[in-house]
Amino acid sequence: MDDFNQVQESDFEKLGKLRDYFASHHTLPSYSYMQQLLNLRSKETIYKLIARLKLMGFLDTAPDNKLSPGKRFFERHISHATVQAGALTNAYAEGGDYINIDERLVKKPSITELVPVKGDSMKDLGILEGDTVVVQKRPVANEGDVVVAIIDNKFTIKTLGKENGKFVLIPANPDFEVIRPKEMFEIYGVVVGLFRETV
């Protein structure tokens, strides 16, 4: 098979460098700078690499003919191995898949918002201060959903529950009391995921 179409193992190492560059500069390098960045000797080698990455869906061409990230550019490797919070497991496992985090957490971009968490009223559900929750904005939720609600023009994040046929907001921390709204309250959205940055 012509090496123009053949995926090479080193392509993924070079793709990693392009991803790092994009993360730092929010754009892809020019062809000439890419040659330097990836330590490739000829323009022909660059063109073949780009063609292979386009074929795999990692790169694309924007309407202005500039190079742009393809659909798979933001995929991240997800291991077949799991990490245990209890007993130890083997550190390495063969294989794995790739997922796009945005596709996993953001099903409807037009109604999705990222909301920073302040306070520890939901810590027993693993929602900690400093986390960012992914919220799908909608005024209706089901009992048991973790919601962002508005009470007295203030946000709060709690589990939606029911007592005597009326909605209540239940914390996940025994130091906090269940909120029983005396008047109508507004559901801002339902929490569909979260992420946390570590230092």
Protein backbone atom coordinates (compact mmCIF):
# COMPACT_ATOMS: atom_id res chain seq x y z
CA MET A 1 0.00 0.00 0.00
CA ASP A 2 1.24 3.50 -0.79
CA ASP A 3 2.51 5.21 2.37
CA PHE A 4 0.25 8.17 1.47
CA ASN A 5 -2.70 6.11 2.70
CA GLN A 6 -0.95 3.93 5.29
CA VAL A 7 -1.35 4.99 8.92
CA GLN A 8 2.03 5.03 10.64
CA GLU A 9 2.54 4.46 14.36
CA SER A 10 4.49 7.71 14.65
CA ASP A 11 1.45 9.63 13.29
CA PHE A 12 -0.17 9.47 16.73
CA GLU A 13 2.93 10.88 18.39
CA LYS A 14 2.88 13.78 15.91
CA LEU A 15 -0.88 14.20 16.44
CA GLY A 16 -0.13 14.54 20.16
CA LYS A 17 2.26 17.43 19.43
CA LEU A 18 -0.37 19.12 17.26
CA ARG A 19 -2.93 18.74 20.07
CA ASP A 20 -0.48 20.26 22.58
CA TYR A 21 0.17 23.17 20.21
CA PHE A 22 -3.57 23.73 19.76
CA ALA A 23 -4.14 23.63 23.53
CA SER A 24 -1.51 26.37 23.99
CA HIS A 25 -2.34 28.60 21.01
CA HIS A 26 -5.97 27.74 20.05
CA THR A 27 -4.96 27.30 16.44
CA LEU A 28 -3.02 24.82 14.34
CA PRO A 29 0.50 25.68 13.15
CA SER A 30 1.21 26.71 9.57
CA TYR A 31 2.60 24.03 7.27
CA SER A 32 6.08 25.54 7.48
CA TYR A 33 6.06 25.75 11.29
CA MET A 34 4.60 22.25 11.48
CA GLN A 35 7.66 20.99 9.63
CA GLN A 36 9.85 22.45 12.39
CA LEU A 37 7.53 21.42 15.25
CA LEU A 38 7.36 17.80 14.12
CA ASN A 39 11.01 17.66 13.01
CA LEU A 40 10.14 16.57 9.47
CA ARG A 41 12.60 17.18 6.68
CA SER A 42 10.44 17.71 3.63
CA LYS A 43 7.18 19.40 2.73
CA GLU A 44 6.09 16.22 0.97
CA THR A 45 6.31 14.32 4.28
CA ILE A 46 4.12 17.00 5.92
CA TYR A 47 1.54 16.78 3.13
CA LYS A 48 1.38 12.99 3.44
CA LEU A 49 1.02 13.18 7.23
CA ILE A 50 -1.78 15.75 6.95
CA ALA A 51 -3.52 13.62 4.32
CA ARG A 52 -3.43 10.59 6.60
CA LEU A 53 -4.72 12.57 9.61
CA LYS A 54 -7.53 13.99 7.45
CA LEU A 55 -8.39 10.49 6.26
CA MET A 56 -8.70 9.37 9.90
CA GLY A 57 -10.85 12.41 10.78
CA PHE A 58 -8.32 14.14 13.05
CA LEU A 59 -7.76 17.12 10.76
CA ASP A 60 -9.98 19.02 8.36
CA THR A 61 -9.84 22.03 6.06
CA ALA A 62 -11.79 25.18 6.93
CA PRO A 63 -13.66 27.17 4.23
CA ASP A 64 -10.68 29.57 4.01
CA ASN A 65 -8.44 26.56 3.20
CA LYS A 66 -6.66 26.74 6.54
CA LEU A 67 -6.08 23.57 8.51
CA SER A 68 -8.60 22.99 11.31
CA PRO A 69 -9.31 20.28 13.89
CA GLY A 70 -11.40 17.41 12.57
CA LYS A 71 -14.21 15.65 14.42
CA ARG A 72 -11.81 13.20 16.10
CA PHE A 73 -9.17 15.80 17.04
CA PHE A 74 -10.59 16.18 20.56
CA GLU A 75 -11.02 12.47 21.23
CA ARG A 76 -9.25 11.24 24.35
CA HIS A 77 -8.10 7.71 25.07
CA ILE A 78 -10.23 5.77 27.55
CA SER A 79 -8.54 2.69 28.94
CA HIS A 80 -10.09 -0.75 29.18
CA ALA A 81 -8.54 -0.89 32.65
CA THR A 82 -10.37 0.71 35.55
CA VAL A 83 -8.93 2.43 38.59
CA GLN A 84 -10.30 1.14 41.87
CA ALA A 85 -11.05 3.25 44.88
CA GLY A 86 -10.84 0.07 46.96
CA ALA A 87 -8.70 -3.00 46.20
CA LEU A 88 -5.81 -2.61 43.77
CA THR A 89 -6.12 -3.65 40.14
CA ASN A 90 -3.54 -4.32 37.46
CA ALA A 91 -1.97 -1.10 36.25
CA TYR A 92 -2.00 -1.96 32.57
CA ALA A 93 -4.55 -3.48 30.24
CA GLU A 94 -4.40 -4.04 26.55
CA GLY A 95 -6.38 -1.81 24.25
CA GLY A 96 -8.83 0.93 24.93
CA ASP A 97 -11.19 3.19 23.04
CA TYR A 98 -11.37 6.87 22.24
CA ILE A 99 -14.09 9.25 23.30
CA ASN A 100 -14.82 12.90 22.68
CA ILE A 101 -15.44 14.45 26.11
CA ASP A 102 -17.59 17.20 24.64
CA GLU A 103 -19.81 14.66 22.87
CA ARG A 104 -20.13 12.65 26.09
CA LEU A 105 -21.06 15.58 28.35
CA VAL A 106 -22.64 18.10 25.98
CA LYS A 107 -25.57 16.48 24.19
CA LYS A 108 -27.30 19.79 23.38
CA PRO A 109 -24.76 22.63 23.12
CA SER A 110 -27.41 25.34 22.66
CA ILE A 111 -28.88 24.71 26.14
CA THR A 112 -25.73 23.62 28.00
CA GLU A 113 -23.91 25.82 30.49
CA LEU A 114 -20.91 25.27 32.77
CA VAL A 115 -21.54 26.41 36.34
CA PRO A 116 -18.80 26.61 39.01
CA VAL A 117 -19.64 25.07 42.39
CA LYS A 118 -19.21 27.02 45.62
CA GLY A 119 -19.75 25.38 48.99
CA ASP A 120 -19.90 21.77 50.15
CA SER A 121 -23.60 20.98 50.54
CA MET A 122 -23.32 18.23 47.88
CA LYS A 123 -20.01 16.70 48.94
CA ASP A 124 -21.48 13.26 49.75
CA LEU A 125 -22.44 12.96 46.07
CA GLY A 126 -18.87 13.86 45.08
CA ILE A 127 -19.73 17.40 44.01
CA LEU A 128 -17.09 19.55 45.67
CA GLU A 129 -16.29 23.24 45.94
CA GLY A 130 -14.24 24.27 42.91
CA ASP A 131 -15.84 21.67 40.64
CA THR A 132 -17.62 22.79 37.49
CA VAL A 133 -20.97 21.17 36.77
CA VAL A 134 -22.30 20.66 33.27
CA VAL A 135 -25.90 21.87 33.31
CA GLN A 136 -28.54 21.23 30.68
CA LYS A 137 -30.81 24.25 31.02
CA ARG A 138 -34.47 23.25 31.25
CA PRO A 139 -37.29 24.23 33.60
CA VAL A 140 -38.48 20.66 34.26
CA ALA A 141 -36.68 17.87 36.12
CA ASN A 142 -37.51 14.49 37.61
CA GLU A 143 -37.45 13.52 41.24
CA GLY A 144 -33.93 12.31 42.04
CA ASP A 145 -32.23 14.58 39.48
CA VAL A 146 -29.42 16.80 40.69
CA VAL A 147 -30.57 20.27 39.72
CA VAL A 148 -29.44 23.86 39.76
CA ALA A 149 -32.40 25.79 41.16
CA ILE A 150 -33.10 29.48 41.69
CA ILE A 151 -34.50 30.59 45.04
CA ASP A 152 -34.72 34.30 45.91
CA ASN A 153 -32.61 35.11 42.85
CA LYS A 154 -29.80 32.84 44.09
CA PHE A 155 -28.44 29.64 42.60
CA THR A 156 -28.30 26.43 44.61
CA ILE A 157 -27.39 22.88 43.61
CA LYS A 158 -29.37 20.09 45.28
CA THR A 159 -31.16 16.82 44.57
CA LEU A 160 -34.81 17.32 43.64
CA GLY A 161 -37.10 15.41 45.99
CA LYS A 162 -40.71 15.33 47.11
CA GLU A 163 -42.41 15.55 50.48
CA ASN A 164 -46.20 15.39 50.81
CA GLY A 165 -46.55 15.97 47.09
CA LYS A 166 -44.38 19.12 47.10
CA PHE A 167 -40.92 19.53 45.69
CA VAL A 168 -38.00 19.94 48.08
CA LEU A 169 -34.27 20.42 47.53
CA ILE A 170 -32.15 17.84 49.32
CA PRO A 171 -28.48 18.45 50.18
CA ALA A 172 -25.87 15.68 50.21
CA ASN A 173 -24.27 16.79 53.46
CA PRO A 174 -25.84 16.22 56.91
CA ASP A 175 -24.69 19.68 58.03
CA PHE A 176 -27.27 21.24 55.69
CA GLU A 177 -31.04 21.19 55.96
CA VAL A 178 -33.53 20.20 53.30
CA ILE A 179 -34.84 23.29 51.54
CA ARG A 180 -38.62 23.42 51.51
CA PRO A 181 -39.54 26.40 49.34
CA LYS A 182 -42.50 28.29 50.74
CA GLU A 183 -43.23 29.80 47.34
CA MET A 184 -42.56 28.69 43.82
CA PHE A 185 -38.94 28.17 42.91
CA GLU A 186 -37.39 27.85 39.49
CA ILE A 187 -35.40 24.95 38.12
CA TYR A 188 -32.58 26.42 36.07
CA GLY A 189 -31.32 23.10 34.76
CA VAL A 190 -30.32 19.51 35.38
CA VAL A 191 -26.72 18.50 36.15
CA VAL A 192 -25.53 16.02 33.51
CA GLY A 193 -21.85 15.87 34.43
CA LEU A 194 -18.98 17.60 36.14
CA PHE A 195 -15.25 18.08 35.89
CA ARG A 196 -12.53 18.98 38.34
CA GLU A 197 -9.13 20.51 37.82
CA THR A 198 -6.38 19.17 40.03
CA VAL A 199 -3.36 21.19 41.11
